[in-house]
C-alpha atoms as a PDB file:
ATOM      1  CA  UNK A   1    -102.927  49.742 186.914  1.00  0.00           C
ATOM      2  CA  UNK A   2    -103.640  53.351 185.445  1.00  0.00           C
ATOM      3  CA  UNK A   3    -103.645  53.946 181.414  1.00  0.00           C
ATOM      4  CA  UNK A   4    -100.961  57.172 180.708  1.00  0.00           C
ATOM      5  CA  UNK A   5    -104.141  58.765 180.734  1.00  0.00           C
ATOM      6  CA  UNK A   6    -103.970  58.110 184.368  1.00  0.00           C
ATOM      7  CA  UNK A   7    -107.910  56.452 183.884  1.00  0.00           C
ATOM      8  CA  UNK A   8    -108.180  53.496 185.917  1.00  0.00           C
ATOM      9  CA  UNK A   9    -107.779  50.079 184.207  1.00  0.00           C
ATOM     10  CA  UNK A  10    -107.835  46.822 186.138  1.00  0.00           C
ATOM     11  CA  UNK A  11    -105.772  45.230 189.076  1.00  0.00           C
ATOM     12  CA  UNK A  12    -103.240  42.953 188.439  1.00  0.00           C
ATOM     13  CA  UNK A  13    -101.185  40.483 190.314  1.00  0.00           C
ATOM     14  CA  UNK A  14     -97.693  41.581 192.030  1.00  0.00           C
ATOM     15  CA  UNK A  15     -95.918  38.989 189.421  1.00  0.00           C
ATOM     16  CA  UNK A  16     -97.354  40.749 187.058  1.00  0.00           C
ATOM     17  CA  UNK A  17     -96.300  44.275 187.803  1.00  0.00           C
ATOM     18  CA  UNK A  18     -92.770  43.773 188.382  1.00  0.00           C
ATOM     19  CA  UNK A  19     -93.142  41.800 184.756  1.00  0.00           C
ATOM     20  CA  UNK A  20     -94.379  44.782 183.139  1.00  0.00           C
ATOM     21  CA  UNK A  21     -91.464  46.885 185.452  1.00  0.00           C
ATOM     22  CA  UNK A  22     -88.970  44.990 184.036  1.00  0.00           C
ATOM     23  CA  UNK A  23     -89.972  45.602 179.902  1.00  0.00           C
ATOM     24  CA  UNK A  24     -90.787  49.008 180.768  1.00  0.00           C
ATOM     25  CA  UNK A  25     -93.930  49.361 180.069  1.00  0.00           C
ATOM     26  CA  UNK A  26     -95.303  50.774 183.004  1.00  0.00           C
ATOM     27  CA  UNK A  27     -94.078  53.154 185.742  1.00  0.00           C
ATOM     28  CA  UNK A  28     -94.485  53.291 189.327  1.00  0.00           C
ATOM     29  CA  UNK A  29     -97.100  55.630 190.853  1.00  0.00           C
ATOM     30  CA  UNK A  30     -97.086  54.769 194.368  1.00  0.00           C
ATOM     31  CA  UNK A  31     -94.946  52.280 195.618  1.00  0.00           C
ATOM     32  CA  UNK A  32     -94.914  50.717 199.345  1.00  0.00           C
ATOM     33  CA  UNK A  33     -91.943  50.447 201.542  1.00  0.00           C
ATOM     34  CA  UNK A  34     -90.996  46.744 200.615  1.00  0.00           C
ATOM     35  CA  UNK A  35     -88.768  45.903 197.771  1.00  0.00           C
ATOM     36  CA  UNK A  36     -88.448  43.383 194.711  1.00  0.00           C
ATOM     37  CA  UNK A  37     -84.962  43.568 193.276  1.00  0.00           C
ATOM     38  CA  UNK A  38     -84.227  46.969 192.025  1.00  0.00           C
ATOM     39  CA  UNK A  39     -87.733  47.878 192.110  1.00  0.00           C
ATOM     40  CA  UNK A  40     -90.269  49.273 195.103  1.00  0.00           C
ATOM     41  CA  UNK A  41     -93.317  46.837 195.993  1.00  0.00           C
ATOM     42  CA  UNK A  42     -95.675  48.612 193.215  1.00  0.00           C
ATOM     43  CA  UNK A  43     -99.377  49.888 194.791  1.00  0.00           C
ATOM     44  CA  UNK A  44    -100.334  51.827 191.811  1.00  0.00           C
ATOM     45  CA  UNK A  45     -98.602  51.344 187.917  1.00  0.00           C
ATOM     46  CA  UNK A  46     -99.323  53.688 185.088  1.00  0.00           C
ATOM     47  CA  UNK A  47     -98.873  52.403 181.745  1.00  0.00           C
ATOM     48  CA  UNK A  48     -95.998  54.287 179.668  1.00  0.00           C
ATOM     49  CA  UNK A  49     -98.449  54.122 176.487  1.00  0.00           C
ATOM     50  CA  UNK A  50    -102.062  54.949 175.852  1.00  0.00           C
ATOM     51  CA  UNK A  51    -104.686  51.902 174.996  1.00  0.00           C
ATOM     52  CA  UNK A  52    -107.801  51.946 174.149  1.00  0.00           C
ATOM     53  CA  UNK A  53    -110.235  50.338 176.473  1.00  0.00           C
ATOM     54  CA  UNK A  54    -112.982  49.658 173.541  1.00  0.00           C
ATOM     55  CA  UNK A  55    -112.683  45.915 174.872  1.00  0.00           C
ATOM     56  CA  UNK A  56    -113.789  46.411 178.441  1.00  0.00           C
ATOM     57  CA  UNK A  57    -117.091  47.994 177.887  1.00  0.00           C
ATOM     58  CA  UNK A  58    -117.946  45.854 175.368  1.00  0.00           C
ATOM     59  CA  UNK A  59    -117.454  42.830 177.588  1.00  0.00           C
ATOM     60  CA  UNK A  60    -120.118  43.766 180.103  1.00  0.00           C
ATOM     61  CA  UNK A  61    -123.130  43.041 177.236  1.00  0.00           C
ATOM     62  CA  UNK A  62    -121.998  38.716 177.229  1.00  0.00           C
ATOM     63  CA  UNK A  63    -124.045  36.446 179.094  1.00  0.00           C
ATOM     64  CA  UNK A  64    -121.823  34.507 181.201  1.00  0.00           C
ATOM     65  CA  UNK A  65    -122.540  32.652 184.328  1.00  0.00           C
ATOM     66  CA  UNK A  66    -120.663  34.604 186.730  1.00  0.00           C
ATOM     67  CA  UNK A  67    -122.329  37.562 184.436  1.00  0.00           C
ATOM     68  CA  UNK A  68    -125.967  35.753 185.551  1.00  0.00           C
ATOM     69  CA  UNK A  69    -124.656  35.325 188.955  1.00  0.00           C
ATOM     70  CA  UNK A  70    -123.835  39.190 189.464  1.00  0.00           C
ATOM     71  CA  UNK A  71    -126.788  40.648 188.200  1.00  0.00           C
ATOM     72  CA  UNK A  72    -128.984  38.321 189.950  1.00  0.00           C
ATOM     73  CA  UNK A  73    -127.045  38.309 193.138  1.00  0.00           C
ATOM     74  CA  UNK A  74    -129.257  36.240 195.116  1.00  0.00           C
ATOM     75  CA  UNK A  75    -131.445  32.822 194.057  1.00  0.00           C
ATOM     76  CA  UNK A  76    -134.427  33.034 191.804  1.00  0.00           C
ATOM     77  CA  UNK A  77    -136.464  30.822 193.013  1.00  0.00           C
ATOM     78  CA  UNK A  78    -135.923  31.522 197.291  1.00  0.00           C
ATOM     79  CA  UNK A  79    -133.691  34.285 197.667  1.00  0.00           C
ATOM     80  CA  UNK A  80    -130.445  32.206 199.261  1.00  0.00           C
ATOM     81  CA  UNK A  81    -126.887  32.876 198.324  1.00  0.00           C
ATOM     82  CA  UNK A  82    -126.261  32.036 194.400  1.00  0.00           C
ATOM     83  CA  UNK A  83    -124.111  29.174 194.050  1.00  0.00           C
ATOM     84  CA  UNK A  84    -124.976  27.707 190.043  1.00  0.00           C
ATOM     85  CA  UNK A  85    -126.939  29.497 187.203  1.00  0.00           C
ATOM     86  CA  UNK A  86    -130.189  27.810 186.136  1.00  0.00           C
ATOM     87  CA  UNK A  87    -131.529  27.605 182.860  1.00  0.00           C
ATOM     88  CA  UNK A  88    -135.521  29.011 183.167  1.00  0.00           C
ATOM     89  CA  UNK A  89    -136.798  26.706 180.172  1.00  0.00           C
ATOM     90  CA  UNK A  90    -133.932  23.411 180.500  1.00  0.00           C
ATOM     91  CA  UNK A  91    -131.507  22.711 177.760  1.00  0.00           C
ATOM     92  CA  UNK A  92    -132.663  19.111 177.566  1.00  0.00           C
ATOM     93  CA  UNK A  93    -136.064  21.139 175.962  1.00  0.00           C
ATOM     94  CA  UNK A  94    -133.619  23.621 173.739  1.00  0.00           C
ATOM     95  CA  UNK A  95    -133.174  26.333 176.338  1.00  0.00           C
ATOM     96  CA  UNK A  96    -130.111  28.278 176.169  1.00  0.00           C
ATOM     97  CA  UNK A  97    -127.369  30.715 178.127  1.00  0.00           C
ATOM     98  CA  UNK A  98    -129.595  33.984 177.262  1.00  0.00           C
ATOM     99  CA  UNK A  99    -130.132  36.956 179.489  1.00  0.00           C
ATOM    100  CA  UNK A 100    -133.625  35.696 179.452  1.00  0.00           C
ATOM    101  CA  UNK A 101    -133.399  32.019 179.717  1.00  0.00           C
ATOM    102  CA  UNK A 102    -130.752  32.172 182.785  1.00  0.00           C
ATOM    103  CA  UNK A 103    -131.363  32.935 186.147  1.00  0.00           C
ATOM    104  CA  UNK A 104    -129.163  32.628 189.517  1.00  0.00           C
ATOM    105  CA  UNK A 105    -130.249  29.514 192.116  1.00  0.00           C
ATOM    106  CA  UNK A 106    -129.158  28.006 195.065  1.00  0.00           C
ATOM    107  CA  UNK A 107    -127.955  24.400 194.705  1.00  0.00           C
ATOM    108  CA  UNK A 108    -131.198  23.186 196.768  1.00  0.00           C
ATOM    109  CA  UNK A 109    -133.405  24.869 194.450  1.00  0.00           C
ATOM    110  CA  UNK A 110    -131.181  24.441 191.004  1.00  0.00           C
ATOM    111  CA  UNK A 111    -131.700  20.309 192.125  1.00  0.00           C
ATOM    112  CA  UNK A 112    -135.393  20.683 192.766  1.00  0.00           C
ATOM    113  CA  UNK A 113    -136.257  22.730 189.780  1.00  0.00           C
ATOM    114  CA  UNK A 114    -134.321  19.890 187.751  1.00  0.00           C
ATOM    115  CA  UNK A 115    -135.612  19.269 184.413  1.00  0.00           C
ATOM    116  CA  UNK A 116    -138.799  20.896 184.539  1.00  0.00           C
ATOM    117  CA  UNK A 117    -139.849  24.350 183.975  1.00  0.00           C
ATOM    118  CA  UNK A 118    -140.745  27.330 186.483  1.00  0.00           C
ATOM    119  CA  UNK A 119    -144.102  26.327 186.664  1.00  0.00           C
ATOM    120  CA  UNK A 120    -144.096  22.645 186.097  1.00  0.00           C
ATOM    121  CA  UNK A 121    -142.059  22.678 189.211  1.00  0.00           C
ATOM    122  CA  UNK A 122    -144.184  25.372 190.980  1.00  0.00           C
ATOM    123  CA  UNK A 123    -141.318  27.434 191.811  1.00  0.00           C
ATOM    124  CA  UNK A 124    -142.093  30.803 190.726  1.00  0.00           C
ATOM    125  CA  UNK A 125    -139.500  33.577 190.000  1.00  0.00           C
ATOM    126  CA  UNK A 126    -138.684  36.436 192.160  1.00  0.00           C
ATOM    127  CA  UNK A 127    -137.329  38.241 189.538  1.00  0.00           C
ATOM    128  CA  UNK A 128    -137.629  38.525 185.758  1.00  0.00           C
ATOM    129  CA  UNK A 129    -134.587  37.965 183.930  1.00  0.00           C
ATOM    130  CA  UNK A 130    -133.492  39.926 181.585  1.00  0.00           C
ATOM    131  CA  UNK A 131    -130.498  41.673 179.547  1.00  0.00           C
ATOM    132  CA  UNK A 132    -128.857  44.549 182.504  1.00  0.00           C
ATOM    133  CA  UNK A 133    -129.233  48.022 181.684  1.00  0.00           C
ATOM    134  CA  UNK A 134    -126.187  48.782 183.258  1.00  0.00           C
ATOM    135  CA  UNK A 135    -123.768  46.423 184.447  1.00  0.00           C
ATOM    136  CA  UNK A 136    -121.136  46.102 187.514  1.00  0.00           C
ATOM    137  CA  UNK A 137    -118.901  43.041 188.107  1.00  0.00           C
END
């Protein structure tokens, strides 16, 4: 989906795209060969009215579990596939979900570390957790 100024905004489902066409808030810029009722299959939509996108940039600064996994891309302890998020200082000891206290971890390392700090568990971090300077989801 494109903004009225032709800048890319986001991907939307086919169902959502058809609803936008019915409400006439978007027009088809590029269409596929199939059709859905009176509309061809939309591949690219453009909004009729310009939408301010300040919210898109503010969201990237939120510290969420999915953002932590996107930042680290691998387990902070063994370098394997990151499936969970581990608190460096455990929550039971007052640790919170912040950029500096959370790292991506595989299930095995997260379970092995448990309710201890990395030094107590003898599991050194392969990276230093911190707020990302740029964010790509």
